[in-house]
Amino acid sequence: MVGSAAMRAAFVALGANAILLALKAVATGFSDSLTIFSETLNSLADVVSAVVILLCVRWAWMTPDESHPFGHRRAEPVAGLVVAIFTGILGFEVCKTAVVDLWRGALPQRIGPYPIVALCITAGMKSWLAVFFHRRGERLDSPALRATAIDCRNDVLIAVQGLAAVVVADLRLPLLDVLAAMLVGVYILYSGHRIGMENLDYLMGRAPSEELLERIRSAAGGVRGVLCVDEIKGHYVGTFVHVELTAHVDGALSTTESHDVCEATRSAVEAIGIVDRAFVHIAPAEKRGHH
């Protein structure tokens, strides 16, 4: 169910970014504006990112097999690194083009209304997408969708900034168009760096947030028969979390009863969407700290 909802959200991202890419490409063909050219490359990066997210969501929810007994959760951050490299290359090209044009004094001569229309549509559509992905990311507890929401929000700010620059440049101040394009290029570089570092954290087994660990503690501690919970440790496997904890129970419980409490605790923790696997150790309360 969660995988299907995430797939639908990924299709929305791909469709919307493809439309914006086509729109900006047409505007680029009718204008000399370097800002709209850089925005076209930005949309190209968004389309590639959407394709990668779509593929990775599908891979991430594939059933574990003999060669991947813990699933395929690392597919998303691996592909995220590819996106980061591609985004960095695009950002570098935009900055290089802007610097070369400034050095040569090759300022745009023909801007026209097309970039203005394209950027207005971009700002509106990205505003809607930012709200859409924020809500979906929170509901599905998906880091990928939450990151997409942040990226859409940043795209709105860049589009508004680019729109202002293009309008002023069209009033015979073309230098601002080149400077705005350079700012977009720097933003694309920053986005690539942020995406790369985030996905490196996932691949290197970064610990989850204290907030999530408290949710896990609360879920485990609420299970009938669990007296207290400690030694909670977790790490990311891809964009999902594996967690290990110790649940203390009444030492008088039988082996069967302790096992039932263990299974109930595991189910309660794994009910938290982002937690893929929970490993629960059962210890008698009177021997707490000696396992």
C-alpha atoms as a PDB file:
ATOM      1  CA  MET A   1       0.000   0.000   0.000  1.00  0.00           C
ATOM      2  CA  VAL A   2       2.755   2.468   0.987  1.00  0.00           C
ATOM      3  CA  GLY A   3       4.843   1.448  -2.023  1.00  0.00           C
ATOM      4  CA  SER A   4       1.905   2.002  -4.408  1.00  0.00           C
ATOM      5  CA  ALA A   5       1.199   5.455  -2.962  1.00  0.00           C
ATOM      6  CA  ALA A   6       4.868   6.404  -3.267  1.00  0.00           C
ATOM      7  CA  MET A   7       4.892   5.163  -6.876  1.00  0.00           C
ATOM      8  CA  ARG A   8       1.884   7.356  -7.716  1.00  0.00           C
ATOM      9  CA  ALA A   9       3.609  10.356  -6.156  1.00  0.00           C
ATOM     10  CA  ALA A  10       6.744   9.618  -8.182  1.00  0.00           C
ATOM     11  CA  PHE A  11       4.667   9.518 -11.399  1.00  0.00           C
ATOM     12  CA  VAL A  12       3.210  12.936 -10.501  1.00  0.00           C
ATOM     13  CA  ALA A  13       6.737  14.317 -10.092  1.00  0.00           C
ATOM     14  CA  LEU A  14       7.850  12.857 -13.415  1.00  0.00           C
ATOM     15  CA  GLY A  15       4.827  14.143 -15.333  1.00  0.00           C
ATOM     16  CA  ALA A  16       4.938  17.663 -13.872  1.00  0.00           C
ATOM     17  CA  ASN A  17       8.681  18.073 -14.389  1.00  0.00           C
ATOM     18  CA  ALA A  18       8.456  16.743 -17.955  1.00  0.00           C
ATOM     19  CA  ILE A  19       5.807  19.366 -18.739  1.00  0.00           C
ATOM     20  CA  LEU A  20       7.963  22.128 -17.260  1.00  0.00           C
ATOM     21  CA  LEU A  21      11.024  20.895 -19.162  1.00  0.00           C
ATOM     22  CA  ALA A  22       9.129  21.030 -22.476  1.00  0.00           C
ATOM     23  CA  LEU A  23       7.748  24.479 -21.653  1.00  0.00           C
ATOM     24  CA  LYS A  24      11.169  25.906 -20.775  1.00  0.00           C
ATOM     25  CA  ALA A  25      12.813  24.279 -23.784  1.00  0.00           C
ATOM     26  CA  VAL A  26      10.326  26.035 -26.077  1.00  0.00           C
ATOM     27  CA  ALA A  27      10.910  29.351 -24.269  1.00  0.00           C
ATOM     28  CA  THR A  28      14.677  28.853 -24.643  1.00  0.00           C
ATOM     29  CA  GLY A  29      14.239  28.397 -28.384  1.00  0.00           C
ATOM     30  CA  PHE A  30      12.509  31.777 -28.682  1.00  0.00           C
ATOM     31  CA  SER A  31      14.791  33.754 -26.369  1.00  0.00           C
ATOM     32  CA  ASP A  32      18.454  34.564 -25.762  1.00  0.00           C
ATOM     33  CA  SER A  33      17.857  34.623 -22.009  1.00  0.00           C
ATOM     34  CA  LEU A  34      20.541  32.690 -20.170  1.00  0.00           C
ATOM     35  CA  THR A  35      18.238  32.520 -17.135  1.00  0.00           C
ATOM     36  CA  ILE A  36      15.607  30.461 -18.951  1.00  0.00           C
ATOM     37  CA  PHE A  37      18.368  28.281 -20.438  1.00  0.00           C
ATOM     38  CA  SER A  38      19.691  27.539 -16.934  1.00  0.00           C
ATOM     39  CA  GLU A  39      16.133  26.883 -15.748  1.00  0.00           C
ATOM     40  CA  THR A  40      15.746  24.395 -18.607  1.00  0.00           C
ATOM     41  CA  LEU A  41      18.800  22.493 -17.378  1.00  0.00           C
ATOM     42  CA  ASN A  42      17.380  22.669 -13.855  1.00  0.00           C
ATOM     43  CA  SER A  43      14.173  21.031 -15.097  1.00  0.00           C
ATOM     44  CA  LEU A  44      16.224  18.417 -16.953  1.00  0.00           C
ATOM     45  CA  ALA A  45      17.880  17.550 -13.635  1.00  0.00           C
ATOM     46  CA  ASP A  46      14.432  17.385 -12.010  1.00  0.00           C
ATOM     47  CA  VAL A  47      13.207  14.965 -14.678  1.00  0.00           C
ATOM     48  CA  VAL A  48      16.243  12.712 -14.220  1.00  0.00           C
ATOM     49  CA  SER A  49      15.727  12.826 -10.453  1.00  0.00           C
ATOM     50  CA  ALA A  50      12.044  11.923 -10.852  1.00  0.00           C
ATOM     51  CA  VAL A  51      12.924   8.940 -13.062  1.00  0.00           C
ATOM     52  CA  VAL A  52      15.494   7.752 -10.526  1.00  0.00           C
ATOM     53  CA  ILE A  53      13.033   8.127  -7.635  1.00  0.00           C
ATOM     54  CA  LEU A  54      10.415   6.208  -9.607  1.00  0.00           C
ATOM     55  CA  LEU A  55      12.797   3.322 -10.302  1.00  0.00           C
ATOM     56  CA  CYS A  56      14.146   3.303  -6.766  1.00  0.00           C
ATOM     57  CA  VAL A  57      10.740   3.289  -5.128  1.00  0.00           C
ATOM     58  CA  ARG A  58       9.918   0.250  -7.227  1.00  0.00           C
ATOM     59  CA  TRP A  59      13.209  -1.487  -6.351  1.00  0.00           C
ATOM     60  CA  ALA A  60      13.000  -0.540  -2.686  1.00  0.00           C
ATOM     61  CA  TRP A  61       9.659  -2.303  -2.282  1.00  0.00           C
ATOM     62  CA  MET A  62      10.660  -5.464  -4.121  1.00  0.00           C
ATOM     63  CA  THR A  63      10.359  -8.642  -2.077  1.00  0.00           C
ATOM     64  CA  PRO A  64      13.638  -9.741  -0.432  1.00  0.00           C
ATOM     65  CA  ASP A  65      15.286 -12.602  -2.285  1.00  0.00           C
ATOM     66  CA  GLU A  66      18.128 -15.057  -1.702  1.00  0.00           C
ATOM     67  CA  SER A  67      20.813 -12.603  -2.786  1.00  0.00           C
ATOM     68  CA  HIS A  68      19.225  -9.665  -0.896  1.00  0.00           C
ATOM     69  CA  PRO A  69      17.679 -11.188   2.251  1.00  0.00           C
ATOM     70  CA  PHE A  70      17.127  -7.770   3.858  1.00  0.00           C
ATOM     71  CA  GLY A  71      15.525  -6.294   0.772  1.00  0.00           C
ATOM     72  CA  HIS A  72      16.660  -3.654  -1.717  1.00  0.00           C
ATOM     73  CA  ARG A  73      16.400  -0.537   0.446  1.00  0.00           C
ATOM     74  CA  ARG A  74      19.814   0.789  -0.584  1.00  0.00           C
ATOM     75  CA  ALA A  75      18.695   1.223  -4.199  1.00  0.00           C
ATOM     76  CA  GLU A  76      17.434   4.747  -3.590  1.00  0.00           C
ATOM     77  CA  PRO A  77      20.581   6.285  -2.054  1.00  0.00           C
ATOM     78  CA  VAL A  78      22.821   4.607  -4.650  1.00  0.00           C
ATOM     79  CA  ALA A  79      20.763   6.153  -7.425  1.00  0.00           C
ATOM     80  CA  GLY A  80      20.647   9.403  -5.451  1.00  0.00           C
ATOM     81  CA  LEU A  81      24.420   9.638  -5.753  1.00  0.00           C
ATOM     82  CA  VAL A  82      24.096   9.294  -9.518  1.00  0.00           C
ATOM     83  CA  VAL A  83      21.559  12.133  -9.510  1.00  0.00           C
ATOM     84  CA  ALA A  84      23.898  14.238  -7.366  1.00  0.00           C
ATOM     85  CA  ILE A  85      26.764  13.790  -9.826  1.00  0.00           C
ATOM     86  CA  PHE A  86      24.532  14.604 -12.799  1.00  0.00           C
ATOM     87  CA  THR A  87      23.116  17.663 -11.023  1.00  0.00           C
ATOM     88  CA  GLY A  88      26.604  18.868 -10.162  1.00  0.00           C
ATOM     89  CA  ILE A  89      27.694  18.611 -13.813  1.00  0.00           C
ATOM     90  CA  LEU A  90      24.668  20.655 -14.945  1.00  0.00           C
ATOM     91  CA  GLY A  91      25.284  23.299 -12.274  1.00  0.00           C
ATOM     92  CA  PHE A  92      28.929  23.593 -13.306  1.00  0.00           C
ATOM     93  CA  GLU A  93      27.943  24.004 -16.976  1.00  0.00           C
ATOM     94  CA  VAL A  94      25.454  26.767 -16.158  1.00  0.00           C
ATOM     95  CA  CYS A  95      28.022  28.662 -14.049  1.00  0.00           C
ATOM     96  CA  LYS A  96      30.722  28.206 -16.692  1.00  0.00           C
ATOM     97  CA  THR A  97      28.452  29.514 -19.455  1.00  0.00           C
ATOM     98  CA  ALA A  98      27.495  32.562 -17.374  1.00  0.00           C
ATOM     99  CA  VAL A  99      31.124  33.354 -16.516  1.00  0.00           C
ATOM    100  CA  VAL A 100      32.252  32.972 -20.149  1.00  0.00           C
ATOM    101  CA  ASP A 101      29.435  35.226 -21.361  1.00  0.00           C
ATOM    102  CA  LEU A 102      30.345  37.871 -18.789  1.00  0.00           C
ATOM    103  CA  TRP A 103      34.015  37.668 -19.776  1.00  0.00           C
ATOM    104  CA  ARG A 104      33.231  38.004 -23.473  1.00  0.00           C
ATOM    105  CA  GLY A 105      30.527  40.605 -22.913  1.00  0.00           C
ATOM    106  CA  ALA A 106      28.048  38.399 -24.769  1.00  0.00           C
ATOM    107  CA  LEU A 107      24.858  39.709 -23.154  1.00  0.00           C
ATOM    108  CA  PRO A 108      21.420  38.541 -24.386  1.00  0.00           C
ATOM    109  CA  GLN A 109      19.878  40.699 -27.105  1.00  0.00           C
ATOM    110  CA  ARG A 110      16.472  39.040 -27.399  1.00  0.00           C
ATOM    111  CA  ILE A 111      14.588  38.101 -24.225  1.00  0.00           C
ATOM    112  CA  GLY A 112      10.910  38.605 -25.021  1.00  0.00           C
ATOM    113  CA  PRO A 113       7.779  37.369 -23.169  1.00  0.00           C
ATOM    114  CA  TYR A 114       8.398  33.620 -23.443  1.00  0.00           C
ATOM    115  CA  PRO A 115      10.728  33.264 -20.415  1.00  0.00           C
ATOM    116  CA  ILE A 116       8.349  35.383 -18.336  1.00  0.00           C
ATOM    117  CA  VAL A 117       5.390  33.109 -19.138  1.00  0.00           C
ATOM    118  CA  ALA A 118       7.438  29.950 -18.532  1.00  0.00           C
ATOM    119  CA  LEU A 119       8.729  31.155 -15.173  1.00  0.00           C
ATOM    120  CA  CYS A 120       5.262  32.247 -14.020  1.00  0.00           C
ATOM    121  CA  ILE A 121       3.886  28.778 -14.802  1.00  0.00           C
ATOM    122  CA  THR A 122       6.911  27.191 -13.108  1.00  0.00           C
ATOM    123  CA  ALA A 123       6.383  29.166  -9.900  1.00  0.00           C
ATOM    124  CA  GLY A 124       2.690  28.212  -9.771  1.00  0.00           C
ATOM    125  CA  MET A 125       3.162  24.527 -10.535  1.00  0.00           C
ATOM    126  CA  LYS A 126       6.134  24.114  -8.187  1.00  0.00           C
ATOM    127  CA  SER A 127       4.156  25.779  -5.367  1.00  0.00           C
ATOM    128  CA  TRP A 128       1.430  23.168  -5.758  1.00  0.00           C
ATOM    129  CA  LEU A 129       3.979  20.348  -5.980  1.00  0.00           C
ATOM    130  CA  ALA A 130       5.741  21.543  -2.808  1.00  0.00           C
ATOM    131  CA  VAL A 131       2.490  21.259  -0.834  1.00  0.00           C
ATOM    132  CA  PHE A 132       1.583  17.928  -2.491  1.00  0.00           C
ATOM    133  CA  PHE A 133       4.921  16.238  -1.752  1.00  0.00           C
ATOM    134  CA  HIS A 134       5.141  17.640   1.768  1.00  0.00           C
ATOM    135  CA  ARG A 135       1.781  16.092   2.639  1.00  0.00           C
ATOM    136  CA  ARG A 136       2.586  12.797   0.927  1.00  0.00           C
ATOM    137  CA  GLY A 137       6.046  12.643   2.484  1.00  0.00           C
ATOM    138  CA  GLU A 138       4.656  13.154   5.986  1.00  0.00           C
ATOM    139  CA  ARG A 139       1.815  10.665   5.466  1.00  0.00           C
ATOM    140  CA  LEU A 140       4.068   7.967   3.981  1.00  0.00           C
ATOM    141  CA  ASP A 141       7.048   8.860   6.203  1.00  0.00           C
ATOM    142  CA  SER A 142       9.181   8.984   3.056  1.00  0.00           C
ATOM    143  CA  PRO A 143      12.531  10.830   3.129  1.00  0.00           C
ATOM    144  CA  ALA A 144      12.621  10.865  -0.679  1.00  0.00           C
ATOM    145  CA  LEU A 145       9.240  12.605  -0.976  1.00  0.00           C
ATOM    146  CA  ARG A 146      10.053  15.067   1.798  1.00  0.00           C
ATOM    147  CA  ALA A 147      13.305  15.937   0.002  1.00  0.00           C
ATOM    148  CA  THR A 148      11.328  16.411  -3.222  1.00  0.00           C
ATOM    149  CA  ALA A 149       9.012  18.829  -1.404  1.00  0.00           C
ATOM    150  CA  ILE A 150      11.990  20.894  -0.218  1.00  0.00           C
ATOM    151  CA  ASP A 151      13.445  20.877  -3.727  1.00  0.00           C
ATOM    152  CA  CYS A 152      10.111  22.119  -5.159  1.00  0.00           C
ATOM    153  CA  ARG A 153       9.964  24.892  -2.573  1.00  0.00           C
ATOM    154  CA  ASN A 154      13.481  25.987  -3.510  1.00  0.00           C
ATOM    155  CA  ASP A 155      12.535  25.875  -7.193  1.00  0.00           C
ATOM    156  CA  VAL A 156       9.708  28.334  -6.474  1.00  0.00           C
ATOM    157  CA  LEU A 157      12.162  30.792  -4.933  1.00  0.00           C
ATOM    158  CA  ILE A 158      14.588  30.405  -7.836  1.00  0.00           C
ATOM    159  CA  ALA A 159      11.790  30.832 -10.397  1.00  0.00           C
ATOM    160  CA  VAL A 160      10.551  34.031  -8.714  1.00  0.00           C
ATOM    161  CA  GLN A 161      14.093  35.395  -8.565  1.00  0.00           C
ATOM    162  CA  GLY A 162      14.631  34.465 -12.223  1.00  0.00           C
ATOM    163  CA  LEU A 163      11.316  36.046 -13.190  1.00  0.00           C
ATOM    164  CA  ALA A 164      12.287  39.354 -11.579  1.00  0.00           C
ATOM    165  CA  ALA A 165      15.677  39.274 -13.307  1.00  0.00           C
ATOM    166  CA  VAL A 166      14.172  38.500 -16.717  1.00  0.00           C
ATOM    167  CA  VAL A 167      11.588  41.290 -16.411  1.00  0.00           C
ATOM    168  CA  VAL A 168      14.296  43.816 -15.484  1.00  0.00           C
ATOM    169  CA  ALA A 169      16.631  42.488 -18.194  1.00  0.00           C
ATOM    170  CA  ASP A 170      13.883  42.901 -20.773  1.00  0.00           C
ATOM    171  CA  LEU A 171      13.864  46.585 -19.816  1.00  0.00           C
ATOM    172  CA  ARG A 172      17.376  46.975 -21.253  1.00  0.00           C
ATOM    173  CA  LEU A 173      19.411  45.628 -18.337  1.00  0.00           C
ATOM    174  CA  PRO A 174      20.565  42.316 -19.831  1.00  0.00           C
ATOM    175  CA  LEU A 175      23.467  41.982 -17.377  1.00  0.00           C
ATOM    176  CA  LEU A 176      20.966  40.970 -14.679  1.00  0.00           C
ATOM    177  CA  ASP A 177      19.853  38.037 -16.809  1.00  0.00           C
ATOM    178  CA  VAL A 178      23.381  36.606 -16.860  1.00  0.00           C
ATOM    179  CA  LEU A 179      23.854  37.201 -13.131  1.00  0.00           C
ATOM    180  CA  ALA A 180      20.522  35.488 -12.400  1.00  0.00           C
ATOM    181  CA  ALA A 181      21.588  32.519 -14.520  1.00  0.00           C
ATOM    182  CA  MET A 182      24.793  32.276 -12.486  1.00  0.00           C
ATOM    183  CA  LEU A 183      22.728  32.258  -9.275  1.00  0.00           C
ATOM    184  CA  VAL A 184      20.603  29.408 -10.666  1.00  0.00           C
ATOM    185  CA  GLY A 185      23.794  27.517 -11.499  1.00  0.00           C
ATOM    186  CA  VAL A 186      25.088  27.958  -7.946  1.00  0.00           C
ATOM    187  CA  TYR A 187      21.750  26.705  -6.621  1.00  0.00           C
ATOM    188  CA  ILE A 188      21.937  23.614  -8.856  1.00  0.00           C
ATOM    189  CA  LEU A 189      25.462  22.933  -7.563  1.00  0.00           C
ATOM    190  CA  TYR A 190      24.236  23.297  -3.981  1.00  0.00           C
ATOM    191  CA  SER A 191      21.333  20.931  -4.663  1.00  0.00           C
ATOM    192  CA  GLY A 192      23.721  18.324  -6.049  1.00  0.00           C
ATOM    193  CA  HIS A 193      25.951  18.629  -2.980  1.00  0.00           C
ATOM    194  CA  ARG A 194      22.988  18.344  -0.594  1.00  0.00           C
ATOM    195  CA  ILE A 195      21.565  15.311  -2.399  1.00  0.00           C
ATOM    196  CA  GLY A 196      24.970  13.631  -2.459  1.00  0.00           C
ATOM    197  CA  MET A 197      25.706  14.151   1.238  1.00  0.00           C
ATOM    198  CA  GLU A 198      22.236  13.028   2.286  1.00  0.00           C
ATOM    199  CA  ASN A 199      22.463   9.802   0.328  1.00  0.00           C
ATOM    200  CA  LEU A 200      25.996   9.128   1.555  1.00  0.00           C
ATOM    201  CA  ASP A 201      24.577   9.290   5.082  1.00  0.00           C
ATOM    202  CA  TYR A 202      21.973   6.682   4.174  1.00  0.00           C
ATOM    203  CA  LEU A 203      24.578   4.362   2.644  1.00  0.00           C
ATOM    204  CA  MET A 204      26.934   4.727   5.610  1.00  0.00           C
ATOM    205  CA  GLY A 205      24.268   3.717   8.132  1.00  0.00           C
ATOM    206  CA  ARG A 206      23.497   7.092   9.720  1.00  0.00           C
ATOM    207  CA  ALA A 207      21.607   6.879  13.019  1.00  0.00           C
ATOM    208  CA  PRO A 208      17.963   8.007  12.951  1.00  0.00           C
ATOM    209  CA  SER A 209      16.828  11.198  14.682  1.00  0.00           C
ATOM    210  CA  GLU A 210      16.163  11.382  18.418  1.00  0.00           C
ATOM    211  CA  GLU A 211      12.507  12.034  17.601  1.00  0.00           C
ATOM    212  CA  LEU A 212      12.228   8.716  15.765  1.00  0.00           C
ATOM    213  CA  LEU A 213      14.064   6.868  18.538  1.00  0.00           C
ATOM    214  CA  GLU A 214      11.558   8.285  21.038  1.00  0.00           C
ATOM    215  CA  ARG A 215       8.675   7.100  18.841  1.00  0.00           C
ATOM    216  CA  ILE A 216      10.244   3.649  18.817  1.00  0.00           C
ATOM    217  CA  ARG A 217      10.693   3.703  22.602  1.00  0.00           C
ATOM    218  CA  SER A 218       7.076   4.763  23.083  1.00  0.00           C
ATOM    219  CA  ALA A 219       5.758   2.085  20.715  1.00  0.00           C
ATOM    220  CA  ALA A 220       7.771  -0.690  22.375  1.00  0.00           C
ATOM    221  CA  GLY A 221       7.036   0.528  25.894  1.00  0.00           C
ATOM    222  CA  GLY A 222       3.301   0.478  25.198  1.00  0.00           C
ATOM    223  CA  VAL A 223       3.226  -3.269  24.568  1.00  0.00           C
ATOM    224  CA  ARG A 224       1.533  -5.260  27.278  1.00  0.00           C
ATOM    225  CA  GLY A 225       4.125  -7.126  29.337  1.00  0.00           C
ATOM    226  CA  VAL A 226       7.007  -4.738  28.609  1.00  0.00           C
ATOM    227  CA  LEU A 227       8.164  -3.109  31.845  1.00  0.00           C
ATOM    228  CA  CYS A 228      10.802  -0.827  30.318  1.00  0.00           C
ATOM    229  CA  VAL A 229      12.842  -0.367  27.162  1.00  0.00           C
ATOM    230  CA  ASP A 230      16.504   0.548  26.780  1.00  0.00           C
ATOM    231  CA  GLU A 231      19.585   0.053  24.610  1.00  0.00           C
ATOM    232  CA  ILE A 232      17.794   1.376  21.531  1.00  0.00           C
ATOM    233  CA  LYS A 233      20.088   1.573  18.505  1.00  0.00           C
ATOM    234  CA  GLY A 234      19.178   2.097  14.885  1.00  0.00           C
ATOM    235  CA  HIS A 235      20.708   2.790  11.500  1.00  0.00           C
ATOM    236  CA  TYR A 236      19.508   3.456   7.995  1.00  0.00           C
ATOM    237  CA  VAL A 237      19.491   0.661   5.435  1.00  0.00           C
ATOM    238  CA  GLY A 238      18.804   2.697   2.338  1.00  0.00           C
ATOM    239  CA  THR A 239      16.048   5.115   3.340  1.00  0.00           C
ATOM    240  CA  PHE A 240      14.528   2.706   5.856  1.00  0.00           C
ATOM    241  CA  VAL A 241      15.601   1.983   9.413  1.00  0.00           C
ATOM    242  CA  HIS A 242      16.707  -1.192  11.159  1.00  0.00           C
ATOM    243  CA  VAL A 243      16.450  -0.938  14.928  1.00  0.00           C
ATOM    244  CA  GLU A 244      17.682  -3.034  17.839  1.00  0.00           C
ATOM    245  CA  LEU A 245      16.371  -2.707  21.397  1.00  0.00           C
ATOM    246  CA  THR A 246      16.093  -4.510  24.720  1.00  0.00           C
ATOM    247  CA  ALA A 247      12.665  -4.981  26.299  1.00  0.00           C
ATOM    248  CA  HIS A 248      12.591  -5.918  29.995  1.00  0.00           C
ATOM    249  CA  VAL A 249       9.802  -8.222  31.172  1.00  0.00           C
ATOM    250  CA  ASP A 250       8.786 -10.010  34.340  1.00  0.00           C
ATOM    251  CA  GLY A 251      11.371 -12.693  35.006  1.00  0.00           C
ATOM    252  CA  ALA A 252       8.622 -15.101  36.059  1.00  0.00           C
ATOM    253  CA  LEU A 253       7.193 -15.285  32.536  1.00  0.00           C
ATOM    254  CA  SER A 254       7.487 -18.591  30.713  1.00  0.00           C
ATOM    255  CA  THR A 255       9.527 -18.912  27.547  1.00  0.00           C
ATOM    256  CA  THR A 256       6.346 -18.936  25.470  1.00  0.00           C
ATOM    257  CA  GLU A 257       4.983 -15.811  27.174  1.00  0.00           C
ATOM    258  CA  SER A 258       8.300 -13.986  26.731  1.00  0.00           C
ATOM    259  CA  HIS A 259       8.322 -14.944  23.067  1.00  0.00           C
ATOM    260  CA  ASP A 260       4.797 -13.564  22.623  1.00  0.00           C
ATOM    261  CA  VAL A 261       5.834 -10.270  24.205  1.00  0.00           C
ATOM    262  CA  CYS A 262       8.882 -10.163  21.916  1.00  0.00           C
ATOM    263  CA  GLU A 263       6.762 -10.671  18.795  1.00  0.00           C
ATOM    264  CA  ALA A 264       4.213  -8.091  19.908  1.00  0.00           C
ATOM    265  CA  THR A 265       7.023  -5.582  20.540  1.00  0.00           C
ATOM    266  CA  ARG A 266       8.579  -6.247  17.160  1.00  0.00           C
ATOM    267  CA  SER A 267       5.218  -5.769  15.411  1.00  0.00           C
ATOM    268  CA  ALA A 268       4.562  -2.522  17.297  1.00  0.00           C
ATOM    269  CA  VAL A 269       7.920  -1.054  16.305  1.00  0.00           C
ATOM    270  CA  GLU A 270       7.699  -2.205  12.675  1.00  0.00           C
ATOM    271  CA  ALA A 271       4.265  -0.574  12.458  1.00  0.00           C
ATOM    272  CA  ILE A 272       6.174   2.728  12.314  1.00  0.00           C
ATOM    273  CA  GLY A 273       6.353   3.168   8.545  1.00  0.00           C
ATOM    274  CA  ILE A 274      10.017   4.038   8.197  1.00  0.00           C
ATOM    275  CA  VAL A 275      11.129   1.082  10.363  1.00  0.00           C
ATOM    276  CA  ASP A 276      11.722  -1.891   8.098  1.00  0.00           C
ATOM    277  CA  ARG A 277      13.118  -4.379  10.619  1.00  0.00           C
ATOM    278  CA  ALA A 278      13.152  -4.499  14.425  1.00  0.00           C
ATOM    279  CA  PHE A 279      15.391  -6.846  16.434  1.00  0.00           C
ATOM    280  CA  VAL A 280      14.070  -7.224  19.973  1.00  0.00           C
ATOM    281  CA  HIS A 281      16.025  -8.711  22.874  1.00  0.00           C
ATOM    282  CA  ILE A 282      14.038  -9.867  25.894  1.00  0.00           C
ATOM    283  CA  ALA A 283      15.631  -9.617  29.350  1.00  0.00           C
ATOM    284  CA  PRO A 284      14.201 -10.242  32.836  1.00  0.00           C
ATOM    285  CA  ALA A 285      13.625  -7.033  34.773  1.00  0.00           C
ATOM    286  CA  GLU A 286      15.528  -8.224  37.856  1.00  0.00           C
ATOM    287  CA  LYS A 287      18.666  -8.760  35.710  1.00  0.00           C
ATOM    288  CA  ARG A 288      18.528  -5.446  33.945  1.00  0.00           C
ATOM    289  CA  GLY A 289      21.917  -4.486  32.632  1.00  0.00           C
ATOM    290  CA  HIS A 290      23.193  -8.083  32.581  1.00  0.00           C
ATOM    291  CA  HIS A 291      22.287  -9.748  29.263  1.00  0.00           C
END
